[in-house]
């Protein structure tokens, strides 16, 4: 699955990359270089992050499903409780 981001998010990410370079690399880069770097991150690093997020979500939901009996069980036939 290809990762896609909204134009607004892309604009903010490019700004963040540019700021990172200015503050941490003591170098200014333009919009084109920041855009190319973002594209690289999305294509090269994005799938790894995406796959890990899916694995985390699966583990979370499997844990919740495994506990359904304990958290969602209601005893039956309790009107005439033994007393």
C-alpha atoms as a PDB file:
ATOM      1  CA  UNK A   1       0.000   0.000   0.000  1.00  0.00           C
ATOM      2  CA  UNK A   2       1.465   3.319  -1.038  1.00  0.00           C
ATOM      3  CA  UNK A   3       1.567   5.940   1.673  1.00  0.00           C
ATOM      4  CA  UNK A   4      -0.191   9.140   0.784  1.00  0.00           C
ATOM      5  CA  UNK A   5      -0.462  12.375   2.697  1.00  0.00           C
ATOM      6  CA  UNK A   6      -2.652  15.406   2.238  1.00  0.00           C
ATOM      7  CA  UNK A   7      -1.252  18.516   0.532  1.00  0.00           C
ATOM      8  CA  UNK A   8      -1.533  20.410   3.826  1.00  0.00           C
ATOM      9  CA  UNK A   9       0.402  17.715   5.709  1.00  0.00           C
ATOM     10  CA  UNK A  10       3.034  17.630   2.958  1.00  0.00           C
ATOM     11  CA  UNK A  11       3.467  21.401   3.190  1.00  0.00           C
ATOM     12  CA  UNK A  12       3.919  21.209   6.963  1.00  0.00           C
ATOM     13  CA  UNK A  13       6.342  18.288   6.680  1.00  0.00           C
ATOM     14  CA  UNK A  14       8.471  20.137   4.132  1.00  0.00           C
ATOM     15  CA  UNK A  15       8.577  23.105   6.494  1.00  0.00           C
ATOM     16  CA  UNK A  16       9.611  20.804   9.338  1.00  0.00           C
ATOM     17  CA  UNK A  17      12.409  19.240   7.282  1.00  0.00           C
ATOM     18  CA  UNK A  18      13.698  22.671   6.312  1.00  0.00           C
ATOM     19  CA  UNK A  19      13.642  23.793   9.943  1.00  0.00           C
ATOM     20  CA  UNK A  20      15.440  20.628  11.049  1.00  0.00           C
ATOM     21  CA  UNK A  21      18.240  21.268   8.590  1.00  0.00           C
ATOM     22  CA  UNK A  22      18.561  24.884   9.697  1.00  0.00           C
ATOM     23  CA  UNK A  23      18.627  24.083  13.424  1.00  0.00           C
ATOM     24  CA  UNK A  24      20.493  20.780  13.515  1.00  0.00           C
ATOM     25  CA  UNK A  25      22.633  20.714  10.402  1.00  0.00           C
ATOM     26  CA  UNK A  26      23.449  24.430  10.191  1.00  0.00           C
ATOM     27  CA  UNK A  27      22.369  24.318   6.563  1.00  0.00           C
ATOM     28  CA  UNK A  28      19.463  25.792   4.694  1.00  0.00           C
ATOM     29  CA  UNK A  29      17.709  23.702   2.070  1.00  0.00           C
ATOM     30  CA  UNK A  30      15.032  24.766  -0.342  1.00  0.00           C
ATOM     31  CA  UNK A  31      11.550  23.449  -0.911  1.00  0.00           C
ATOM     32  CA  UNK A  32      12.650  21.164  -3.758  1.00  0.00           C
ATOM     33  CA  UNK A  33      15.352  19.401  -1.717  1.00  0.00           C
ATOM     34  CA  UNK A  34      13.033  19.082   1.275  1.00  0.00           C
ATOM     35  CA  UNK A  35      10.291  17.677  -0.996  1.00  0.00           C
ATOM     36  CA  UNK A  36      12.697  15.139  -2.506  1.00  0.00           C
ATOM     37  CA  UNK A  37      13.864  14.119   0.970  1.00  0.00           C
ATOM     38  CA  UNK A  38      10.260  13.719   2.109  1.00  0.00           C
ATOM     39  CA  UNK A  39       9.497  11.547  -0.920  1.00  0.00           C
ATOM     40  CA  UNK A  40      12.521   9.403  -0.057  1.00  0.00           C
ATOM     41  CA  UNK A  41      11.380   9.041   3.559  1.00  0.00           C
ATOM     42  CA  UNK A  42       7.866   8.084   2.497  1.00  0.00           C
ATOM     43  CA  UNK A  43       9.065   5.492  -0.002  1.00  0.00           C
ATOM     44  CA  UNK A  44      12.004   4.039   1.915  1.00  0.00           C
ATOM     45  CA  UNK A  45      11.159   4.442   5.603  1.00  0.00           C
ATOM     46  CA  UNK A  46       7.382   4.841   5.475  1.00  0.00           C
ATOM     47  CA  UNK A  47       6.539   1.179   4.775  1.00  0.00           C
ATOM     48  CA  UNK A  48       8.611   0.009   7.763  1.00  0.00           C
ATOM     49  CA  UNK A  49       6.836   2.435  10.084  1.00  0.00           C
ATOM     50  CA  UNK A  50       3.457   1.516   8.556  1.00  0.00           C
ATOM     51  CA  UNK A  51       4.073  -2.221   8.958  1.00  0.00           C
ATOM     52  CA  UNK A  52       5.133  -1.773  12.582  1.00  0.00           C
ATOM     53  CA  UNK A  53       2.026   0.306  13.298  1.00  0.00           C
ATOM     54  CA  UNK A  54      -0.163  -2.428  11.788  1.00  0.00           C
ATOM     55  CA  UNK A  55       1.638  -5.079  13.851  1.00  0.00           C
ATOM     56  CA  UNK A  56       1.115  -2.998  17.006  1.00  0.00           C
ATOM     57  CA  UNK A  57      -2.579  -2.559  16.206  1.00  0.00           C
ATOM     58  CA  UNK A  58      -2.982  -6.293  15.553  1.00  0.00           C
ATOM     59  CA  UNK A  59      -1.303  -7.163  18.856  1.00  0.00           C
ATOM     60  CA  UNK A  60      -3.507  -4.663  20.697  1.00  0.00           C
ATOM     61  CA  UNK A  61      -6.719  -6.037  19.214  1.00  0.00           C
ATOM     62  CA  UNK A  62      -5.672  -9.672  19.644  1.00  0.00           C
ATOM     63  CA  UNK A  63      -5.081  -8.954  23.323  1.00  0.00           C
ATOM     64  CA  UNK A  64      -8.514  -7.355  23.621  1.00  0.00           C
ATOM     65  CA  UNK A  65     -10.208 -10.230  21.765  1.00  0.00           C
ATOM     66  CA  UNK A  66      -8.458 -12.778  23.957  1.00  0.00           C
ATOM     67  CA  UNK A  67      -9.901 -11.029  27.026  1.00  0.00           C
ATOM     68  CA  UNK A  68     -13.490 -10.809  25.728  1.00  0.00           C
ATOM     69  CA  UNK A  69     -14.663 -13.686  27.902  1.00  0.00           C
ATOM     70  CA  UNK A  70     -13.345 -11.990  31.014  1.00  0.00           C
ATOM     71  CA  UNK A  71     -14.428  -8.454  30.273  1.00  0.00           C
ATOM     72  CA  UNK A  72     -17.698  -9.014  28.433  1.00  0.00           C
ATOM     73  CA  UNK A  73     -19.156 -12.081  30.111  1.00  0.00           C
ATOM     74  CA  UNK A  74     -22.460 -11.845  31.944  1.00  0.00           C
ATOM     75  CA  UNK A  75     -23.621 -14.759  34.073  1.00  0.00           C
ATOM     76  CA  UNK A  76     -26.844 -16.334  32.901  1.00  0.00           C
ATOM     77  CA  UNK A  77     -29.908 -17.327  34.839  1.00  0.00           C
ATOM     78  CA  UNK A  78     -29.193 -15.159  37.859  1.00  0.00           C
ATOM     79  CA  UNK A  79     -32.777 -14.279  38.798  1.00  0.00           C
ATOM     80  CA  UNK A  80     -33.088 -17.231  41.154  1.00  0.00           C
ATOM     81  CA  UNK A  81     -29.722 -16.927  42.822  1.00  0.00           C
ATOM     82  CA  UNK A  82     -28.993 -19.432  45.512  1.00  0.00           C
ATOM     83  CA  UNK A  83     -29.023 -17.726  48.681  1.00  0.00           C
END
